[in-house]
Amino acid sequence: MQIARIPTVLFFLATFTVLCAWGNDEPVSEPTVYVDSHEMEYRFFPGGRIGISIETSGSLKIVGWDRGSVRVEAERRIYSQTEEKARTFLKTPPVRIRYTETTSTIQVADVPELGGLLEVNLIVYVPAARTDLAAQTKKGDFIINAVNGWVEATIGEGNMDITTVNGYFSGRTTKGNILVNLSGNRWNGQSFAAVTQAGNAELLLPENYSAALQLDTRNGEIAVDYPQQKVEGEFVPFEITKRRDAQQLRARVGDGGAPLHIGTQSGNVSLRRR
């Protein structure tokens, strides 16, 4: 097993100033944003498993590509009053990577001394044909595109944007919206589930998609803008079951198939034609 440390490149981004709200014309300095960027690529076979953990604030974007390798692009943003303090914290690598050709862990550790003034954003390219992923983030958006595999994502707080995935997917966010945009004519894999405790959820499907849908909200409404399905030669409208503040939709689209579950504890759910 190897441990990779990514070299650091530091550059000054911007300084922000605001005017005092009490009529003082003297500008008041706000923390300066210092940014460093890091890149790394290593050999990785399709079918391998990757664990990703971001323990500080920051977004995570996962992209499938046609290469037998993993590429990590990391951006670290530190809000500090002085460049000297920022450079002190930027001496340590922001991402710790361990890998073989079939397993890998990517970890971003928090720095309590910064008091929440640290943000790390990752873009991770993985083999699209098959990569299994387990991702955990503290606070920030989660985006995944064009990945086939066994994917589990747990988001502390942030939106989820899921596009063109297959295999098995289980995603949960404590607070944030969910957007699911699927392609093809059916879900190729076991099942799909994406839920949020507080936020809206939207599912976009091609018109001729086949799946077993379950949409639900405990405190909100379900809206459907999708073609009616034909049952025994007749078009049947979607039936939304309502009980107090909760609503649920169970329906087969196309020829049926794998279960797709989109839900929220508090928020609205919509099904639309892609």
C-alpha atoms as a PDB file:
ATOM      1  CA  MET A   1       0.000   0.000   0.000  1.00  0.00           C
ATOM      2  CA  GLN A   2       1.259   3.450  -0.843  1.00  0.00           C
ATOM      3  CA  ILE A   3       0.578   6.816   0.711  1.00  0.00           C
ATOM      4  CA  ALA A   4       0.443   9.734  -1.678  1.00  0.00           C
ATOM      5  CA  ARG A   5       1.132  13.288  -0.647  1.00  0.00           C
ATOM      6  CA  ILE A   6       0.152  15.956  -3.141  1.00  0.00           C
ATOM      7  CA  PRO A   7       2.482  18.934  -3.608  1.00  0.00           C
ATOM      8  CA  THR A   8       1.138  22.316  -2.647  1.00  0.00           C
ATOM      9  CA  VAL A   9       0.793  25.405  -4.806  1.00  0.00           C
ATOM     10  CA  LEU A  10      -0.297  28.501  -2.869  1.00  0.00           C
ATOM     11  CA  PHE A  11      -1.694  31.624  -4.386  1.00  0.00           C
ATOM     12  CA  PHE A  12      -3.508  34.708  -3.147  1.00  0.00           C
ATOM     13  CA  LEU A  13      -7.110  34.891  -4.325  1.00  0.00           C
ATOM     14  CA  ALA A  14      -8.881  37.964  -3.015  1.00  0.00           C
ATOM     15  CA  THR A  15      -9.364  40.347  -0.150  1.00  0.00           C
ATOM     16  CA  PHE A  16     -12.849  41.489   0.797  1.00  0.00           C
ATOM     17  CA  THR A  17     -13.791  44.807   2.421  1.00  0.00           C
ATOM     18  CA  VAL A  18     -17.075  46.115   3.690  1.00  0.00           C
ATOM     19  CA  LEU A  19     -18.223  49.526   4.886  1.00  0.00           C
ATOM     20  CA  CYS A  20     -19.347  49.867   8.466  1.00  0.00           C
ATOM     21  CA  ALA A  21     -23.141  49.828   8.706  1.00  0.00           C
ATOM     22  CA  TRP A  22     -23.117  52.796  11.095  1.00  0.00           C
ATOM     23  CA  GLY A  23     -21.966  55.301   8.504  1.00  0.00           C
ATOM     24  CA  ASN A  24     -18.230  54.970   9.072  1.00  0.00           C
ATOM     25  CA  ASP A  25     -16.494  55.495   5.735  1.00  0.00           C
ATOM     26  CA  GLU A  26     -13.431  53.540   6.837  1.00  0.00           C
ATOM     27  CA  PRO A  27     -13.354  50.078   5.196  1.00  0.00           C
ATOM     28  CA  VAL A  28     -13.340  47.130   7.575  1.00  0.00           C
ATOM     29  CA  SER A  29     -11.118  44.259   6.524  1.00  0.00           C
ATOM     30  CA  GLU A  30     -12.676  40.840   6.212  1.00  0.00           C
ATOM     31  CA  PRO A  31     -10.673  37.601   6.204  1.00  0.00           C
ATOM     32  CA  THR A  32      -8.656  37.096   3.048  1.00  0.00           C
ATOM     33  CA  VAL A  33      -9.257  33.925   1.038  1.00  0.00           C
ATOM     34  CA  TYR A  34      -6.108  31.891   0.400  1.00  0.00           C
ATOM     35  CA  VAL A  35      -6.350  29.021  -2.063  1.00  0.00           C
ATOM     36  CA  ASP A  36      -4.052  26.148  -2.917  1.00  0.00           C
ATOM     37  CA  SER A  37      -4.638  23.511  -5.579  1.00  0.00           C
ATOM     38  CA  HIS A  38      -3.389  19.941  -5.825  1.00  0.00           C
ATOM     39  CA  GLU A  39      -3.620  17.230  -8.463  1.00  0.00           C
ATOM     40  CA  MET A  40      -2.751  13.556  -8.508  1.00  0.00           C
ATOM     41  CA  GLU A  41      -3.463  10.545 -10.728  1.00  0.00           C
ATOM     42  CA  TYR A  42      -2.749   6.884 -10.023  1.00  0.00           C
ATOM     43  CA  ARG A  43      -3.437   3.558 -11.695  1.00  0.00           C
ATOM     44  CA  PHE A  44      -6.695   1.903 -10.642  1.00  0.00           C
ATOM     45  CA  PHE A  45      -8.502  -1.051 -12.186  1.00  0.00           C
ATOM     46  CA  PRO A  46     -12.237  -0.989 -12.981  1.00  0.00           C
ATOM     47  CA  GLY A  47     -14.106  -2.983 -10.350  1.00  0.00           C
ATOM     48  CA  GLY A  48     -12.109  -1.568  -7.472  1.00  0.00           C
ATOM     49  CA  ARG A  49     -13.486   0.097  -4.353  1.00  0.00           C
ATOM     50  CA  ILE A  50     -12.850   3.660  -3.146  1.00  0.00           C
ATOM     51  CA  GLY A  51     -13.664   5.193   0.223  1.00  0.00           C
ATOM     52  CA  ILE A  52     -13.901   8.999   0.418  1.00  0.00           C
ATOM     53  CA  SER A  53     -14.253  10.996   3.627  1.00  0.00           C
ATOM     54  CA  ILE A  54     -14.384  14.803   3.924  1.00  0.00           C
ATOM     55  CA  GLU A  55     -14.391  15.821   7.573  1.00  0.00           C
ATOM     56  CA  THR A  56     -14.437  19.564   6.915  1.00  0.00           C
ATOM     57  CA  SER A  57     -16.720  21.760   4.837  1.00  0.00           C
ATOM     58  CA  GLY A  58     -16.413  21.287   1.106  1.00  0.00           C
ATOM     59  CA  SER A  59     -18.008  19.772  -1.969  1.00  0.00           C
ATOM     60  CA  LEU A  60     -17.391  16.386  -3.556  1.00  0.00           C
ATOM     61  CA  LYS A  61     -17.800  15.733  -7.281  1.00  0.00           C
ATOM     62  CA  ILE A  62     -17.312  12.232  -8.712  1.00  0.00           C
ATOM     63  CA  VAL A  63     -17.024  11.768 -12.485  1.00  0.00           C
ATOM     64  CA  GLY A  64     -16.776   8.517 -14.407  1.00  0.00           C
ATOM     65  CA  TRP A  65     -14.240   8.401 -17.231  1.00  0.00           C
ATOM     66  CA  ASP A  66     -12.814   5.810 -19.669  1.00  0.00           C
ATOM     67  CA  ARG A  67      -9.427   5.343 -18.032  1.00  0.00           C
ATOM     68  CA  GLY A  68      -7.942   2.713 -15.780  1.00  0.00           C
ATOM     69  CA  SER A  69      -6.906   5.315 -13.230  1.00  0.00           C
ATOM     70  CA  VAL A  70      -8.156   7.668 -10.533  1.00  0.00           C
ATOM     71  CA  ARG A  71      -7.471  11.378 -10.668  1.00  0.00           C
ATOM     72  CA  VAL A  72      -7.936  13.623  -7.628  1.00  0.00           C
ATOM     73  CA  GLU A  73      -8.174  17.388  -7.972  1.00  0.00           C
ATOM     74  CA  ALA A  74      -8.272  19.183  -4.631  1.00  0.00           C
ATOM     75  CA  GLU A  75      -8.853  22.845  -3.863  1.00  0.00           C
ATOM     76  CA  ARG A  76      -8.329  24.121  -0.327  1.00  0.00           C
ATOM     77  CA  ARG A  77      -9.680  27.513   0.716  1.00  0.00           C
ATOM     78  CA  ILE A  78      -8.582  29.112   3.987  1.00  0.00           C
ATOM     79  CA  TYR A  79     -10.103  32.311   5.341  1.00  0.00           C
ATOM     80  CA  SER A  80      -7.493  34.133   7.384  1.00  0.00           C
ATOM     81  CA  GLN A  81      -6.564  37.678   8.407  1.00  0.00           C
ATOM     82  CA  THR A  82      -2.896  37.187   7.520  1.00  0.00           C
ATOM     83  CA  GLU A  83      -0.974  35.331   4.857  1.00  0.00           C
ATOM     84  CA  GLU A  84       1.491  34.095   7.472  1.00  0.00           C
ATOM     85  CA  LYS A  85      -1.233  32.237   9.363  1.00  0.00           C
ATOM     86  CA  ALA A  86      -2.623  30.787   6.141  1.00  0.00           C
ATOM     87  CA  ARG A  87       0.794  29.529   5.034  1.00  0.00           C
ATOM     88  CA  THR A  88       1.251  27.809   8.386  1.00  0.00           C
ATOM     89  CA  PHE A  89      -1.843  25.675   7.854  1.00  0.00           C
ATOM     90  CA  LEU A  90      -1.128  25.138   4.160  1.00  0.00           C
ATOM     91  CA  LYS A  91       2.174  23.401   4.911  1.00  0.00           C
ATOM     92  CA  THR A  92       0.385  20.133   5.563  1.00  0.00           C
ATOM     93  CA  PRO A  93      -1.125  18.229   2.614  1.00  0.00           C
ATOM     94  CA  PRO A  94      -4.919  18.653   2.475  1.00  0.00           C
ATOM     95  CA  VAL A  95      -5.655  15.150   1.223  1.00  0.00           C
ATOM     96  CA  ARG A  96      -4.308  11.838   2.443  1.00  0.00           C
ATOM     97  CA  ILE A  97      -4.510   9.095  -0.174  1.00  0.00           C
ATOM     98  CA  ARG A  98      -3.753   5.417   0.231  1.00  0.00           C
ATOM     99  CA  TYR A  99      -4.098   3.151  -2.744  1.00  0.00           C
ATOM    100  CA  THR A 100      -3.399  -0.079  -4.495  1.00  0.00           C
ATOM    101  CA  GLU A 101      -4.612  -0.944  -7.986  1.00  0.00           C
ATOM    102  CA  THR A 102      -7.949  -2.222  -6.601  1.00  0.00           C
ATOM    103  CA  THR A 103      -8.594  -0.299  -3.355  1.00  0.00           C
ATOM    104  CA  SER A 104      -8.179   3.303  -2.338  1.00  0.00           C
ATOM    105  CA  THR A 105      -9.038   5.695   0.475  1.00  0.00           C
ATOM    106  CA  ILE A 106      -9.198   9.467   0.086  1.00  0.00           C
ATOM    107  CA  GLN A 107      -9.451  11.417   3.327  1.00  0.00           C
ATOM    108  CA  VAL A 108      -9.693  15.111   4.134  1.00  0.00           C
ATOM    109  CA  ALA A 109      -9.161  15.742   7.831  1.00  0.00           C
ATOM    110  CA  ASP A 110     -10.576  18.733   9.671  1.00  0.00           C
ATOM    111  CA  VAL A 111      -8.313  21.312  11.315  1.00  0.00           C
ATOM    112  CA  PRO A 112     -10.032  22.385  14.550  1.00  0.00           C
ATOM    113  CA  GLU A 113      -7.557  25.247  15.018  1.00  0.00           C
ATOM    114  CA  LEU A 114      -9.109  27.023  12.029  1.00  0.00           C
ATOM    115  CA  GLY A 115     -12.494  27.190  13.709  1.00  0.00           C
ATOM    116  CA  GLY A 116     -14.487  26.368  10.589  1.00  0.00           C
ATOM    117  CA  LEU A 117     -12.503  28.667   8.285  1.00  0.00           C
ATOM    118  CA  LEU A 118     -11.300  25.780   6.116  1.00  0.00           C
ATOM    119  CA  GLU A 119     -13.039  24.488   2.988  1.00  0.00           C
ATOM    120  CA  VAL A 120     -11.811  21.627   0.798  1.00  0.00           C
ATOM    121  CA  ASN A 121     -13.426  20.839  -2.567  1.00  0.00           C
ATOM    122  CA  LEU A 122     -12.647  17.575  -4.363  1.00  0.00           C
ATOM    123  CA  ILE A 123     -13.178  16.377  -7.927  1.00  0.00           C
ATOM    124  CA  VAL A 124     -12.472  12.654  -8.262  1.00  0.00           C
ATOM    125  CA  TYR A 125     -12.367  10.905 -11.641  1.00  0.00           C
ATOM    126  CA  VAL A 126     -12.948   7.137 -11.481  1.00  0.00           C
ATOM    127  CA  PRO A 127     -13.330   4.292 -14.024  1.00  0.00           C
ATOM    128  CA  ALA A 128     -16.890   4.619 -15.310  1.00  0.00           C
ATOM    129  CA  ALA A 129     -17.346   0.974 -16.281  1.00  0.00           C
ATOM    130  CA  ARG A 130     -17.376  -0.192 -12.668  1.00  0.00           C
ATOM    131  CA  THR A 131     -16.251   1.527  -9.486  1.00  0.00           C
ATOM    132  CA  ASP A 132     -17.658   0.903  -6.018  1.00  0.00           C
ATOM    133  CA  LEU A 133     -17.764   3.973  -3.775  1.00  0.00           C
ATOM    134  CA  ALA A 134     -18.474   4.812  -0.155  1.00  0.00           C
ATOM    135  CA  ALA A 135     -18.541   8.584   0.375  1.00  0.00           C
ATOM    136  CA  GLN A 136     -19.092  10.661   3.505  1.00  0.00           C
ATOM    137  CA  THR A 137     -19.071  14.449   3.698  1.00  0.00           C
ATOM    138  CA  LYS A 138     -19.684  16.877   6.528  1.00  0.00           C
ATOM    139  CA  LYS A 139     -21.086  19.972   4.800  1.00  0.00           C
ATOM    140  CA  GLY A 140     -21.158  20.592   1.079  1.00  0.00           C
ATOM    141  CA  ASP A 141     -22.793  19.492  -2.162  1.00  0.00           C
ATOM    142  CA  PHE A 142     -22.402  15.990  -3.576  1.00  0.00           C
ATOM    143  CA  ILE A 143     -22.340  15.468  -7.351  1.00  0.00           C
ATOM    144  CA  ILE A 144     -21.929  12.189  -9.211  1.00  0.00           C
ATOM    145  CA  ASN A 145     -22.012  11.655 -12.956  1.00  0.00           C
ATOM    146  CA  ALA A 146     -21.649   8.622 -15.262  1.00  0.00           C
ATOM    147  CA  VAL A 147     -20.637   5.977 -12.716  1.00  0.00           C
ATOM    148  CA  ASN A 148     -21.652   2.324 -12.698  1.00  0.00           C
ATOM    149  CA  GLY A 149     -21.097   0.474  -9.444  1.00  0.00           C
ATOM    150  CA  TRP A 150     -22.133   0.037  -5.833  1.00  0.00           C
ATOM    151  CA  VAL A 151     -22.388   3.584  -4.471  1.00  0.00           C
ATOM    152  CA  GLU A 152     -23.268   4.669  -0.943  1.00  0.00           C
ATOM    153  CA  ALA A 153     -23.229   8.393  -0.096  1.00  0.00           C
ATOM    154  CA  THR A 154     -23.937   9.981   3.294  1.00  0.00           C
ATOM    155  CA  ILE A 155     -24.072  13.791   3.270  1.00  0.00           C
ATOM    156  CA  GLY A 156     -24.208  15.713   6.528  1.00  0.00           C
ATOM    157  CA  GLU A 157     -25.616  18.870   4.935  1.00  0.00           C
ATOM    158  CA  GLY A 158     -25.722  19.662   1.234  1.00  0.00           C
ATOM    159  CA  ASN A 159     -27.499  19.082  -2.054  1.00  0.00           C
ATOM    160  CA  MET A 160     -27.225  15.885  -4.072  1.00  0.00           C
ATOM    161  CA  ASP A 161     -26.993  15.965  -7.891  1.00  0.00           C
ATOM    162  CA  ILE A 162     -27.074  12.483  -9.430  1.00  0.00           C
ATOM    163  CA  THR A 163     -26.786  11.986 -13.193  1.00  0.00           C
ATOM    164  CA  THR A 164     -26.562   8.891 -15.400  1.00  0.00           C
ATOM    165  CA  VAL A 165     -25.634   6.317 -12.777  1.00  0.00           C
ATOM    166  CA  ASN A 166     -26.287   2.563 -12.759  1.00  0.00           C
ATOM    167  CA  GLY A 167     -25.740  -0.443 -10.509  1.00  0.00           C
ATOM    168  CA  TYR A 168     -26.724   0.198  -6.905  1.00  0.00           C
ATOM    169  CA  PHE A 169     -27.120   3.644  -5.387  1.00  0.00           C
ATOM    170  CA  SER A 170     -28.038   4.681  -1.861  1.00  0.00           C
ATOM    171  CA  GLY A 171     -27.802   8.370  -0.962  1.00  0.00           C
ATOM    172  CA  ARG A 172     -28.914  10.338   2.076  1.00  0.00           C
ATOM    173  CA  THR A 173     -28.574  13.975   3.071  1.00  0.00           C
ATOM    174  CA  THR A 174     -29.672  15.502   6.344  1.00  0.00           C
ATOM    175  CA  LYS A 175     -30.459  18.896   4.832  1.00  0.00           C
ATOM    176  CA  GLY A 176     -30.452  19.628   1.125  1.00  0.00           C
ATOM    177  CA  ASN A 177     -32.248  19.189  -2.177  1.00  0.00           C
ATOM    178  CA  ILE A 178     -31.989  16.139  -4.433  1.00  0.00           C
ATOM    179  CA  LEU A 179     -31.887  16.167  -8.230  1.00  0.00           C
ATOM    180  CA  VAL A 180     -31.834  12.808 -10.020  1.00  0.00           C
ATOM    181  CA  ASN A 181     -31.409  12.789 -13.799  1.00  0.00           C
ATOM    182  CA  LEU A 182     -31.366   9.297 -15.319  1.00  0.00           C
ATOM    183  CA  SER A 183     -30.773   8.230 -18.922  1.00  0.00           C
ATOM    184  CA  GLY A 184     -31.272   5.130 -21.045  1.00  0.00           C
ATOM    185  CA  ASN A 185     -34.412   3.022 -20.996  1.00  0.00           C
ATOM    186  CA  ARG A 186     -34.147   1.336 -17.586  1.00  0.00           C
ATOM    187  CA  TRP A 187     -32.116   1.098 -14.383  1.00  0.00           C
ATOM    188  CA  ASN A 188     -29.340  -1.414 -15.000  1.00  0.00           C
ATOM    189  CA  GLY A 189     -28.677  -2.804 -11.567  1.00  0.00           C
ATOM    190  CA  GLN A 190     -30.264  -3.664  -8.248  1.00  0.00           C
ATOM    191  CA  SER A 191     -31.962  -0.541  -6.943  1.00  0.00           C
ATOM    192  CA  PHE A 192     -31.781   3.207  -6.460  1.00  0.00           C
ATOM    193  CA  ALA A 193     -32.678   5.255  -3.394  1.00  0.00           C
ATOM    194  CA  ALA A 194     -32.061   8.922  -2.575  1.00  0.00           C
ATOM    195  CA  VAL A 195     -33.668  10.615   0.424  1.00  0.00           C
ATOM    196  CA  THR A 196     -33.381  13.887   2.308  1.00  0.00           C
ATOM    197  CA  GLN A 197     -34.639  14.810   5.742  1.00  0.00           C
ATOM    198  CA  ALA A 198     -35.236  18.444   4.811  1.00  0.00           C
ATOM    199  CA  GLY A 199     -35.374  19.530   1.186  1.00  0.00           C
ATOM    200  CA  ASN A 200     -37.072  19.020  -2.150  1.00  0.00           C
ATOM    201  CA  ALA A 201     -36.503  15.980  -4.377  1.00  0.00           C
ATOM    202  CA  GLU A 202     -36.841  15.867  -8.157  1.00  0.00           C
ATOM    203  CA  LEU A 203     -36.659  12.865 -10.489  1.00  0.00           C
ATOM    204  CA  LEU A 204     -36.140  13.283 -14.250  1.00  0.00           C
ATOM    205  CA  LEU A 205     -36.735  10.232 -16.457  1.00  0.00           C
ATOM    206  CA  PRO A 206     -36.733   9.658 -20.207  1.00  0.00           C
ATOM    207  CA  GLU A 207     -40.220   9.163 -21.604  1.00  0.00           C
ATOM    208  CA  ASN A 208     -39.775   5.463 -22.379  1.00  0.00           C
ATOM    209  CA  TYR A 209     -38.139   4.472 -19.097  1.00  0.00           C
ATOM    210  CA  SER A 210     -38.935   1.216 -17.255  1.00  0.00           C
ATOM    211  CA  ALA A 211     -38.835   1.012 -13.468  1.00  0.00           C
ATOM    212  CA  ALA A 212     -40.889   0.579 -10.305  1.00  0.00           C
ATOM    213  CA  LEU A 213     -41.256   4.046  -8.781  1.00  0.00           C
ATOM    214  CA  GLN A 214     -41.765   5.012  -5.163  1.00  0.00           C
ATOM    215  CA  LEU A 215     -42.009   8.728  -4.382  1.00  0.00           C
ATOM    216  CA  ASP A 216     -42.932   9.909  -0.913  1.00  0.00           C
ATOM    217  CA  THR A 217     -42.965  12.912   1.404  1.00  0.00           C
ATOM    218  CA  ARG A 218     -44.117  13.101   5.000  1.00  0.00           C
ATOM    219  CA  ASN A 219     -44.692  16.841   4.914  1.00  0.00           C
ATOM    220  CA  GLY A 220     -45.118  18.203   1.404  1.00  0.00           C
ATOM    221  CA  GLU A 221     -46.663  17.558  -1.993  1.00  0.00           C
ATOM    222  CA  ILE A 222     -45.963  15.336  -4.976  1.00  0.00           C
ATOM    223  CA  ALA A 223     -46.205  16.780  -8.490  1.00  0.00           C
ATOM    224  CA  VAL A 224     -46.143  14.722 -11.705  1.00  0.00           C
ATOM    225  CA  ASP A 225     -45.380  15.962 -15.212  1.00  0.00           C
ATOM    226  CA  TYR A 226     -44.811  12.632 -16.931  1.00  0.00           C
ATOM    227  CA  PRO A 227     -46.768  10.726 -19.608  1.00  0.00           C
ATOM    228  CA  GLN A 228     -49.574   8.494 -18.356  1.00  0.00           C
ATOM    229  CA  GLN A 229     -48.864   4.781 -18.511  1.00  0.00           C
ATOM    230  CA  LYS A 230     -50.893   2.221 -20.445  1.00  0.00           C
ATOM    231  CA  VAL A 231     -52.425  -0.582 -18.378  1.00  0.00           C
ATOM    232  CA  GLU A 232     -54.327  -3.331 -20.224  1.00  0.00           C
ATOM    233  CA  GLY A 233     -54.595  -1.108 -23.270  1.00  0.00           C
ATOM    234  CA  GLU A 234     -55.803   2.008 -21.446  1.00  0.00           C
ATOM    235  CA  PHE A 235     -53.923   5.055 -20.234  1.00  0.00           C
ATOM    236  CA  VAL A 236     -54.136   5.378 -16.470  1.00  0.00           C
ATOM    237  CA  PRO A 237     -53.242   8.582 -14.588  1.00  0.00           C
ATOM    238  CA  PHE A 238     -50.796   8.426 -11.731  1.00  0.00           C
ATOM    239  CA  GLU A 239     -52.510   7.974  -8.382  1.00  0.00           C
ATOM    240  CA  ILE A 240     -51.079   9.884  -5.422  1.00  0.00           C
ATOM    241  CA  THR A 241     -52.071   8.563  -2.005  1.00  0.00           C
ATOM    242  CA  LYS A 242     -52.618  11.312   0.577  1.00  0.00           C
ATOM    243  CA  ARG A 243     -52.783  10.977   4.344  1.00  0.00           C
ATOM    244  CA  ARG A 244     -52.756  14.165   6.400  1.00  0.00           C
ATOM    245  CA  ASP A 245     -49.536  15.979   5.398  1.00  0.00           C
ATOM    246  CA  ALA A 246     -47.966  12.877   3.838  1.00  0.00           C
ATOM    247  CA  GLN A 247     -48.173  11.851   0.186  1.00  0.00           C
ATOM    248  CA  GLN A 248     -46.952   8.784  -1.672  1.00  0.00           C
ATOM    249  CA  LEU A 249     -46.825   7.613  -5.260  1.00  0.00           C
ATOM    250  CA  ARG A 250     -46.206   4.009  -6.239  1.00  0.00           C
ATOM    251  CA  ALA A 251     -46.302   3.286  -9.936  1.00  0.00           C
ATOM    252  CA  ARG A 252     -44.829   1.143 -12.632  1.00  0.00           C
ATOM    253  CA  VAL A 253     -43.514   2.965 -15.669  1.00  0.00           C
ATOM    254  CA  GLY A 254     -42.774   1.205 -18.927  1.00  0.00           C
ATOM    255  CA  ASP A 255     -42.288  -2.515 -18.347  1.00  0.00           C
ATOM    256  CA  GLY A 256     -41.465  -2.054 -14.675  1.00  0.00           C
ATOM    257  CA  GLY A 257     -38.156  -3.216 -13.308  1.00  0.00           C
ATOM    258  CA  ALA A 258     -35.778  -2.203 -10.551  1.00  0.00           C
ATOM    259  CA  PRO A 259     -37.128  -0.081  -7.669  1.00  0.00           C
ATOM    260  CA  LEU A 260     -36.395   3.662  -7.733  1.00  0.00           C
ATOM    261  CA  HIS A 261     -37.114   5.446  -4.455  1.00  0.00           C
ATOM    262  CA  ILE A 262     -37.040   9.239  -4.073  1.00  0.00           C
ATOM    263  CA  GLY A 263     -38.190  10.701  -0.770  1.00  0.00           C
ATOM    264  CA  THR A 264     -38.096  13.540   1.733  1.00  0.00           C
ATOM    265  CA  GLN A 265     -39.176  13.968   5.322  1.00  0.00           C
ATOM    266  CA  SER A 266     -40.051  17.617   4.786  1.00  0.00           C
ATOM    267  CA  GLY A 267     -40.321  19.060   1.284  1.00  0.00           C
ATOM    268  CA  ASN A 268     -41.886  18.509  -2.123  1.00  0.00           C
ATOM    269  CA  VAL A 269     -41.249  15.706  -4.607  1.00  0.00           C
ATOM    270  CA  SER A 270     -41.638  15.938  -8.374  1.00  0.00           C
ATOM    271  CA  LEU A 271     -41.486  13.508 -11.283  1.00  0.00           C
ATOM    272  CA  ARG A 272     -40.784  15.046 -14.675  1.00  0.00           C
ATOM    273  CA  ARG A 273     -40.015  13.892 -18.190  1.00  0.00           C
ATOM    274  CA  ARG A 274     -36.380  14.414 -19.064  1.00  0.00           C
END
